[in-house]
Amino acid sequence: MITVYVLVNKYQKIYIGQTNDVVRRLNEHNRNHTISTSGKGLWKIAHSEEYEDRSTAMRREKALKSSRGRAWIRSIILKGSASVG
């Protein structure tokens, strides 16, 4: 299974990615092993979705990174209207 995940930090910054091990990947983000999230505080998972294959997960990741996808994340997830998970 491949997980598409949305991370949020205390400054309400968003990071979107995909991995086959979300716990390991979150630890990498929080230990500053990822340049794009390094030095931006602790991250927590705000949303995640699982997919059977990487190509489907990559399409969803791309959709979430679009302006419409980011607007959905901000309006639904960050405002607490959707389940956090």
PDB file of N, CA and C in Angstrom:
ATOM      1  N   MET A   1       0.837  -1.191   0.000  1.00  0.00           N
ATOM      2  CA  MET A   1       0.000   0.000   0.000  1.00  0.00           C
ATOM      3  C   MET A   1       0.880   1.251   0.000  1.00  0.00           C
ATOM      4  N   ILE A   2       0.431   2.236  -0.725  1.00  0.00           N
ATOM      5  CA  ILE A   2       1.118   3.521  -0.785  1.00  0.00           C
ATOM      6  C   ILE A   2       0.207   4.555  -0.129  1.00  0.00           C
ATOM      7  N   THR A   3       0.779   5.344   0.760  1.00  0.00           N
ATOM      8  CA  THR A   3       0.014   6.358   1.478  1.00  0.00           C
ATOM      9  C   THR A   3       0.335   7.740   0.936  1.00  0.00           C
ATOM     10  N   VAL A   4      -0.703   8.478   0.587  1.00  0.00           N
ATOM     11  CA  VAL A   4      -0.578   9.900   0.273  1.00  0.00           C
ATOM     12  C   VAL A   4      -0.919  10.620   1.565  1.00  0.00           C
ATOM     13  N   TYR A   5      -0.040  11.538   1.978  1.00  0.00           N
ATOM     14  CA  TYR A   5      -0.237  12.171   3.278  1.00  0.00           C
ATOM     15  C   TYR A   5      -0.107  13.683   3.176  1.00  0.00           C
ATOM     16  N   VAL A   6      -0.773  14.352   4.114  1.00  0.00           N
ATOM     17  CA  VAL A   6      -0.692  15.801   4.231  1.00  0.00           C
ATOM     18  C   VAL A   6      -0.169  16.093   5.624  1.00  0.00           C
ATOM     19  N   LEU A   7       0.947  16.808   5.685  1.00  0.00           N
ATOM     20  CA  LEU A   7       1.513  17.214   6.962  1.00  0.00           C
ATOM     21  C   LEU A   7       1.221  18.687   7.194  1.00  0.00           C
ATOM     22  N   VAL A   8       1.066  19.048   8.466  1.00  0.00           N
ATOM     23  CA  VAL A   8       0.849  20.437   8.849  1.00  0.00           C
ATOM     24  C   VAL A   8       1.749  20.727  10.044  1.00  0.00           C
ATOM     25  N   ASN A   9       2.334  21.935  10.069  1.00  0.00           N
ATOM     26  CA  ASN A   9       3.115  22.327  11.239  1.00  0.00           C
ATOM     27  C   ASN A   9       2.369  23.403  12.017  1.00  0.00           C
ATOM     28  N   LYS A  10       2.972  23.894  13.092  1.00  0.00           N
ATOM     29  CA  LYS A  10       2.274  24.855  13.955  1.00  0.00           C
ATOM     30  C   LYS A  10       2.027  26.196  13.270  1.00  0.00           C
ATOM     31  N   TYR A  11       2.717  26.445  12.182  1.00  0.00           N
ATOM     32  CA  TYR A  11       2.519  27.675  11.421  1.00  0.00           C
ATOM     33  C   TYR A  11       1.478  27.502  10.318  1.00  0.00           C
ATOM     34  N   GLN A  12       0.809  26.345  10.309  1.00  0.00           N
ATOM     35  CA  GLN A  12      -0.205  26.003   9.311  1.00  0.00           C
ATOM     36  C   GLN A  12       0.385  25.861   7.909  1.00  0.00           C
ATOM     37  N   LYS A  13       1.684  25.549   7.829  1.00  0.00           N
ATOM     38  CA  LYS A  13       2.313  25.231   6.555  1.00  0.00           C
ATOM     39  C   LYS A  13       1.940  23.800   6.200  1.00  0.00           C
ATOM     40  N   ILE A  14       1.827  23.525   4.919  1.00  0.00           N
ATOM     41  CA  ILE A  14       1.386  22.217   4.439  1.00  0.00           C
ATOM     42  C   ILE A  14       2.499  21.565   3.629  1.00  0.00           C
ATOM     43  N   TYR A  15       2.644  20.259   3.818  1.00  0.00           N
ATOM     44  CA  TYR A  15       3.527  19.454   2.976  1.00  0.00           C
ATOM     45  C   TYR A  15       2.722  18.243   2.522  1.00  0.00           C
ATOM     46  N   ILE A  16       2.791  17.929   1.239  1.00  0.00           N
ATOM     47  CA  ILE A  16       2.059  16.797   0.675  1.00  0.00           C
ATOM     48  C   ILE A  16       3.069  15.831   0.070  1.00  0.00           C
ATOM     49  N   GLY A  17       2.927  14.554   0.388  1.00  0.00           N
ATOM     50  CA  GLY A  17       3.844  13.563  -0.151  1.00  0.00           C
ATOM     51  C   GLY A  17       3.199  12.190  -0.217  1.00  0.00           C
ATOM     52  N   GLN A  18       3.991  11.194  -0.641  1.00  0.00           N
ATOM     53  CA  GLN A  18       3.507   9.813  -0.685  1.00  0.00           C
ATOM     54  C   GLN A  18       4.657   8.886  -0.335  1.00  0.00           C
ATOM     55  N   THR A  19       4.323   7.777   0.311  1.00  0.00           N
ATOM     56  CA  THR A  19       5.334   6.849   0.796  1.00  0.00           C
ATOM     57  C   THR A  19       4.722   5.471   1.013  1.00  0.00           C
ATOM     58  N   ASN A  20       5.583   4.476   1.168  1.00  0.00           N
ATOM     59  CA  ASN A  20       5.093   3.145   1.530  1.00  0.00           C
ATOM     60  C   ASN A  20       5.197   2.906   3.037  1.00  0.00           C
ATOM     61  N   ASP A  21       5.740   3.872   3.793  1.00  0.00           N
ATOM     62  CA  ASP A  21       5.858   3.759   5.255  1.00  0.00           C
ATOM     63  C   ASP A  21       5.693   5.147   5.863  1.00  0.00           C
ATOM     64  N   VAL A  22       4.466   5.504   6.181  1.00  0.00           N
ATOM     65  CA  VAL A  22       4.160   6.868   6.614  1.00  0.00           C
ATOM     66  C   VAL A  22       4.779   7.197   7.975  1.00  0.00           C
ATOM     67  N   VAL A  23       4.892   6.232   8.872  1.00  0.00           N
ATOM     68  CA  VAL A  23       5.496   6.489  10.188  1.00  0.00           C
ATOM     69  C   VAL A  23       6.977   6.830  10.022  1.00  0.00           C
ATOM     70  N   ARG A  24       7.683   6.036   9.226  1.00  0.00           N
ATOM     71  CA  ARG A  24       9.103   6.302   8.967  1.00  0.00           C
ATOM     72  C   ARG A  24       9.275   7.664   8.310  1.00  0.00           C
ATOM     73  N   ARG A  25       8.419   7.957   7.343  1.00  0.00           N
ATOM     74  CA  ARG A  25       8.539   9.217   6.603  1.00  0.00           C
ATOM     75  C   ARG A  25       8.271  10.419   7.498  1.00  0.00           C
ATOM     76  N   LEU A  26       7.277  10.325   8.380  1.00  0.00           N
ATOM     77  CA  LEU A  26       7.004  11.411   9.319  1.00  0.00           C
ATOM     78  C   LEU A  26       8.217  11.644  10.213  1.00  0.00           C
ATOM     79  N   ASN A  27       8.830  10.572  10.691  1.00  0.00           N
ATOM     80  CA  ASN A  27      10.035  10.710  11.511  1.00  0.00           C
ATOM     81  C   ASN A  27      11.156  11.390  10.735  1.00  0.00           C
ATOM     82  N   GLU A  28      11.303  11.073   9.466  1.00  0.00           N
ATOM     83  CA  GLU A  28      12.325  11.731   8.644  1.00  0.00           C
ATOM     84  C   GLU A  28      12.055  13.228   8.527  1.00  0.00           C
ATOM     85  N   HIS A  29      10.799  13.592   8.344  1.00  0.00           N
ATOM     86  CA  HIS A  29      10.451  15.014   8.274  1.00  0.00           C
ATOM     87  C   HIS A  29      10.763  15.705   9.596  1.00  0.00           C
ATOM     88  N   ASN A  30      10.414  15.088  10.696  1.00  0.00           N
ATOM     89  CA  ASN A  30      10.607  15.713  12.003  1.00  0.00           C
ATOM     90  C   ASN A  30      12.051  15.694  12.481  1.00  0.00           C
ATOM     91  N   ARG A  31      12.880  14.863  11.885  1.00  0.00           N
ATOM     92  CA  ARG A  31      14.313  14.832  12.227  1.00  0.00           C
ATOM     93  C   ARG A  31      15.147  15.625  11.231  1.00  0.00           C
ATOM     94  N   ASN A  32      14.478  16.452  10.426  1.00  0.00           N
ATOM     95  CA  ASN A  32      15.145  17.330   9.462  1.00  0.00           C
ATOM     96  C   ASN A  32      15.957  16.573   8.422  1.00  0.00           C
ATOM     97  N   HIS A  33      15.481  15.405   8.017  1.00  0.00           N
ATOM     98  CA  HIS A  33      16.141  14.633   6.963  1.00  0.00           C
ATOM     99  C   HIS A  33      15.578  14.966   5.583  1.00  0.00           C
ATOM    100  N   THR A  34      14.629  15.878   5.539  1.00  0.00           N
ATOM    101  CA  THR A  34      13.994  16.265   4.284  1.00  0.00           C
ATOM    102  C   THR A  34      14.187  17.766   4.098  1.00  0.00           C
ATOM    103  N   ILE A  35      14.848  18.156   3.029  1.00  0.00           N
ATOM    104  CA  ILE A  35      15.190  19.565   2.822  1.00  0.00           C
ATOM    105  C   ILE A  35      13.956  20.465   2.839  1.00  0.00           C
ATOM    106  N   SER A  36      12.892  20.056   2.195  1.00  0.00           N
ATOM    107  CA  SER A  36      11.714  20.922   2.062  1.00  0.00           C
ATOM    108  C   SER A  36      10.983  21.168   3.376  1.00  0.00           C
ATOM    109  N   THR A  37      11.157  20.302   4.372  1.00  0.00           N
ATOM    110  CA  THR A  37      10.483  20.503   5.660  1.00  0.00           C
ATOM    111  C   THR A  37      11.464  20.789   6.790  1.00  0.00           C
ATOM    112  N   SER A  38      12.736  20.786   6.503  1.00  0.00           N
ATOM    113  CA  SER A  38      13.768  20.989   7.515  1.00  0.00           C
ATOM    114  C   SER A  38      13.699  22.392   8.112  1.00  0.00           C
ATOM    115  N   GLY A  39      13.816  22.464   9.428  1.00  0.00           N
ATOM    116  CA  GLY A  39      13.854  23.747  10.113  1.00  0.00           C
ATOM    117  C   GLY A  39      12.522  24.458  10.212  1.00  0.00           C
ATOM    118  N   LYS A  40      11.442  23.755   9.953  1.00  0.00           N
ATOM    119  CA  LYS A  40      10.117  24.382   9.988  1.00  0.00           C
ATOM    120  C   LYS A  40       9.261  23.846  11.121  1.00  0.00           C
ATOM    121  N   GLY A  41       9.905  23.323  12.154  1.00  0.00           N
ATOM    122  CA  GLY A  41       9.179  22.825  13.315  1.00  0.00           C
ATOM    123  C   GLY A  41       8.707  21.397  13.138  1.00  0.00           C
ATOM    124  N   LEU A  42       7.974  20.934  14.125  1.00  0.00           N
ATOM    125  CA  LEU A  42       7.441  19.577  14.086  1.00  0.00           C
ATOM    126  C   LEU A  42       6.220  19.516  13.180  1.00  0.00           C
ATOM    127  N   TRP A  43       6.106  18.402  12.491  1.00  0.00           N
ATOM    128  CA  TRP A  43       5.006  18.169  11.572  1.00  0.00           C
ATOM    129  C   TRP A  43       4.098  17.093  12.134  1.00  0.00           C
ATOM    130  N   LYS A  44       2.814  17.197  11.839  1.00  0.00           N
ATOM    131  CA  LYS A  44       1.876  16.130  12.201  1.00  0.00           C
ATOM    132  C   LYS A  44       1.037  15.794  10.978  1.00  0.00           C
ATOM    133  N   ILE A  45       0.549  14.577  10.965  1.00  0.00           N
ATOM    134  CA  ILE A  45      -0.275  14.135   9.843  1.00  0.00           C
ATOM    135  C   ILE A  45      -1.679  14.706  10.013  1.00  0.00           C
ATOM    136  N   ALA A  46      -2.109  15.486   9.038  1.00  0.00           N
ATOM    137  CA  ALA A  46      -3.442  16.072   9.061  1.00  0.00           C
ATOM    138  C   ALA A  46      -4.435  15.228   8.273  1.00  0.00           C
ATOM    139  N   HIS A  47      -3.910  14.469   7.305  1.00  0.00           N
ATOM    140  CA  HIS A  47      -4.793  13.677   6.446  1.00  0.00           C
ATOM    141  C   HIS A  47      -3.947  12.626   5.744  1.00  0.00           C
ATOM    142  N   SER A  48      -4.524  11.453   5.526  1.00  0.00           N
ATOM    143  CA  SER A  48      -3.827  10.420   4.754  1.00  0.00           C
ATOM    144  C   SER A  48      -4.839   9.570   4.002  1.00  0.00           C
ATOM    145  N   GLU A  49      -4.394   9.043   2.876  1.00  0.00           N
ATOM    146  CA  GLU A  49      -5.212   8.176   2.031  1.00  0.00           C
ATOM    147  C   GLU A  49      -4.319   7.051   1.536  1.00  0.00           C
ATOM    148  N   GLU A  50      -4.838   5.823   1.489  1.00  0.00           N
ATOM    149  CA  GLU A  50      -4.050   4.682   1.025  1.00  0.00           C
ATOM    150  C   GLU A  50      -4.491   4.239  -0.365  1.00  0.00           C
ATOM    151  N   TYR A  51      -3.498   3.845  -1.170  1.00  0.00           N
ATOM    152  CA  TYR A  51      -3.744   3.395  -2.533  1.00  0.00           C
ATOM    153  C   TYR A  51      -3.001   2.097  -2.780  1.00  0.00           C
ATOM    154  N   GLU A  52      -3.537   1.283  -3.674  1.00  0.00           N
ATOM    155  CA  GLU A  52      -2.954  -0.021  -3.988  1.00  0.00           C
ATOM    156  C   GLU A  52      -1.636   0.091  -4.740  1.00  0.00           C
ATOM    157  N   ASP A  53      -1.512   1.101  -5.589  1.00  0.00           N
ATOM    158  CA  ASP A  53      -0.305   1.199  -6.408  1.00  0.00           C
ATOM    159  C   ASP A  53       0.226   2.630  -6.415  1.00  0.00           C
ATOM    160  N   ARG A  54       1.508   2.749  -6.720  1.00  0.00           N
ATOM    161  CA  ARG A  54       2.180   4.044  -6.684  1.00  0.00           C
ATOM    162  C   ARG A  54       1.651   5.004  -7.752  1.00  0.00           C
ATOM    163  N   SER A  55       1.300   4.516  -8.916  1.00  0.00           N
ATOM    164  CA  SER A  55       0.841   5.426  -9.972  1.00  0.00           C
ATOM    165  C   SER A  55      -0.460   6.127  -9.579  1.00  0.00           C
ATOM    166  N   THR A  56      -1.372   5.421  -8.948  1.00  0.00           N
ATOM    167  CA  THR A  56      -2.615   6.041  -8.472  1.00  0.00           C
ATOM    168  C   THR A  56      -2.312   7.037  -7.361  1.00  0.00           C
ATOM    169  N   ALA A  57      -1.421   6.659  -6.456  1.00  0.00           N
ATOM    170  CA  ALA A  57      -1.033   7.549  -5.356  1.00  0.00           C
ATOM    171  C   ALA A  57      -0.381   8.819  -5.898  1.00  0.00           C
ATOM    172  N   MET A  58       0.445   8.677  -6.910  1.00  0.00           N
ATOM    173  CA  MET A  58       1.116   9.842  -7.487  1.00  0.00           C
ATOM    174  C   MET A  58       0.125  10.788  -8.164  1.00  0.00           C
ATOM    175  N   ARG A  59      -0.906  10.232  -8.793  1.00  0.00           N
ATOM    176  CA  ARG A  59      -1.946  11.079  -9.391  1.00  0.00           C
ATOM    177  C   ARG A  59      -2.682  11.860  -8.306  1.00  0.00           C
ATOM    178  N   ARG A  60      -2.992  11.187  -7.188  1.00  0.00           N
ATOM    179  CA  ARG A  60      -3.687  11.873  -6.096  1.00  0.00           C
ATOM    180  C   ARG A  60      -2.794  12.933  -5.462  1.00  0.00           C
ATOM    181  N   GLU A  61      -1.517  12.605  -5.272  1.00  0.00           N
ATOM    182  CA  GLU A  61      -0.571  13.585  -4.723  1.00  0.00           C
ATOM    183  C   GLU A  61      -0.528  14.827  -5.615  1.00  0.00           C
ATOM    184  N   LYS A  62      -0.457  14.619  -6.912  1.00  0.00           N
ATOM    185  CA  LYS A  62      -0.428  15.738  -7.858  1.00  0.00           C
ATOM    186  C   LYS A  62      -1.708  16.567  -7.760  1.00  0.00           C
ATOM    187  N   ALA A  63      -2.850  15.903  -7.626  1.00  0.00           N
ATOM    188  CA  ALA A  63      -4.126  16.620  -7.496  1.00  0.00           C
ATOM    189  C   ALA A  63      -4.160  17.456  -6.221  1.00  0.00           C
ATOM    190  N   LEU A  64      -3.660  16.896  -5.121  1.00  0.00           N
ATOM    191  CA  LEU A  64      -3.645  17.642  -3.862  1.00  0.00           C
ATOM    192  C   LEU A  64      -2.687  18.825  -3.913  1.00  0.00           C
ATOM    193  N   LYS A  65      -1.645  18.724  -4.723  1.00  0.00           N
ATOM    194  CA  LYS A  65      -0.678  19.811  -4.841  1.00  0.00           C
ATOM    195  C   LYS A  65      -1.150  20.917  -5.781  1.00  0.00           C
ATOM    196  N   SER A  66      -2.235  20.688  -6.495  1.00  0.00           N
ATOM    197  CA  SER A  66      -2.780  21.717  -7.382  1.00  0.00           C
ATOM    198  C   SER A  66      -3.426  22.815  -6.540  1.00  0.00           C
ATOM    199  N   SER A  67      -3.735  23.924  -7.159  1.00  0.00           N
ATOM    200  CA  SER A  67      -4.364  25.015  -6.408  1.00  0.00           C
ATOM    201  C   SER A  67      -5.718  24.586  -5.845  1.00  0.00           C
ATOM    202  N   ARG A  68      -6.466  23.806  -6.591  1.00  0.00           N
ATOM    203  CA  ARG A  68      -7.756  23.318  -6.105  1.00  0.00           C
ATOM    204  C   ARG A  68      -7.568  22.345  -4.937  1.00  0.00           C
ATOM    205  N   GLY A  69      -6.564  21.480  -5.041  1.00  0.00           N
ATOM    206  CA  GLY A  69      -6.280  20.533  -3.968  1.00  0.00           C
ATOM    207  C   GLY A  69      -5.846  21.227  -2.692  1.00  0.00           C
ATOM    208  N   ARG A  70      -4.972  22.212  -2.816  1.00  0.00           N
ATOM    209  CA  ARG A  70      -4.524  22.958  -1.632  1.00  0.00           C
ATOM    210  C   ARG A  70      -5.681  23.743  -1.014  1.00  0.00           C
ATOM    211  N   ALA A  71      -6.560  24.272  -1.843  1.00  0.00           N
ATOM    212  CA  ALA A  71      -7.733  24.976  -1.321  1.00  0.00           C
ATOM    213  C   ALA A  71      -8.616  24.008  -0.540  1.00  0.00           C
ATOM    214  N   TRP A  72      -8.785  22.789  -1.047  1.00  0.00           N
ATOM    215  CA  TRP A  72      -9.574  21.777  -0.339  1.00  0.00           C
ATOM    216  C   TRP A  72      -8.933  21.459   1.006  1.00  0.00           C
ATOM    217  N   ILE A  73      -7.624  21.283   1.005  1.00  0.00           N
ATOM    218  CA  ILE A  73      -6.920  20.989   2.255  1.00  0.00           C
ATOM    219  C   ILE A  73      -7.137  22.110   3.258  1.00  0.00           C
ATOM    220  N   ARG A  74      -6.941  23.339   2.828  1.00  0.00           N
ATOM    221  CA  ARG A  74      -7.096  24.472   3.748  1.00  0.00           C
ATOM    222  C   ARG A  74      -8.537  24.623   4.240  1.00  0.00           C
ATOM    223  N   SER A  75      -9.502  24.491   3.360  1.00  0.00           N
ATOM    224  CA  SER A  75     -10.888  24.727   3.758  1.00  0.00           C
ATOM    225  C   SER A  75     -11.490  23.587   4.566  1.00  0.00           C
ATOM    226  N   ILE A  76     -11.083  22.371   4.320  1.00  0.00           N
ATOM    227  CA  ILE A  76     -11.683  21.223   4.991  1.00  0.00           C
ATOM    228  C   ILE A  76     -10.827  20.726   6.149  1.00  0.00           C
ATOM    229  N   ILE A  77      -9.605  20.349   5.873  1.00  0.00           N
ATOM    230  CA  ILE A  77      -8.776  19.703   6.883  1.00  0.00           C
ATOM    231  C   ILE A  77      -8.308  20.677   7.954  1.00  0.00           C
ATOM    232  N   LEU A  78      -7.739  21.809   7.570  1.00  0.00           N
ATOM    233  CA  LEU A  78      -7.182  22.719   8.559  1.00  0.00           C
ATOM    234  C   LEU A  78      -8.249  23.384   9.418  1.00  0.00           C
ATOM    235  N   LYS A  79      -9.466  23.468   8.916  1.00  0.00           N
ATOM    236  CA  LYS A  79     -10.545  24.047   9.704  1.00  0.00           C
ATOM    237  C   LYS A  79     -11.245  23.007  10.565  1.00  0.00           C
ATOM    238  N   GLY A  80     -10.795  21.763  10.478  1.00  0.00           N
ATOM    239  CA  GLY A  80     -11.339  20.717  11.339  1.00  0.00           C
ATOM    240  C   GLY A  80     -12.655  20.130  10.887  1.00  0.00           C
ATOM    241  N   SER A  81     -13.046  20.363   9.640  1.00  0.00           N
ATOM    242  CA  SER A  81     -14.312  19.830   9.157  1.00  0.00           C
ATOM    243  C   SER A  81     -14.211  18.389   8.695  1.00  0.00           C
ATOM    244  N   ALA A  82     -13.005  17.918   8.461  1.00  0.00           N
ATOM    245  CA  ALA A  82     -12.813  16.535   8.016  1.00  0.00           C
ATOM    246  C   ALA A  82     -12.078  15.765   9.092  1.00  0.00           C
ATOM    247  N   SER A  83     -12.155  14.461   8.989  1.00  0.00           N
ATOM    248  CA  SER A  83     -11.441  13.638   9.961  1.00  0.00           C
ATOM    249  C   SER A  83      -9.950  13.762   9.717  1.00  0.00           C
ATOM    250  N   VAL A  84      -9.209  13.863  10.778  1.00  0.00           N
ATOM    251  CA  VAL A  84      -7.759  13.962  10.697  1.00  0.00           C
ATOM    252  C   VAL A  84      -7.205  12.579  10.861  1.00  0.00           C
ATOM    253  N   GLY A  85      -6.314  12.207   9.930  1.00  0.00           N
ATOM    254  CA  GLY A  85      -5.897  10.878  10.108  1.00  0.00           C
ATOM    255  C   GLY A  85      -4.753  10.383   9.451  1.00  0.00           C
TER     256      GLY A  85
END
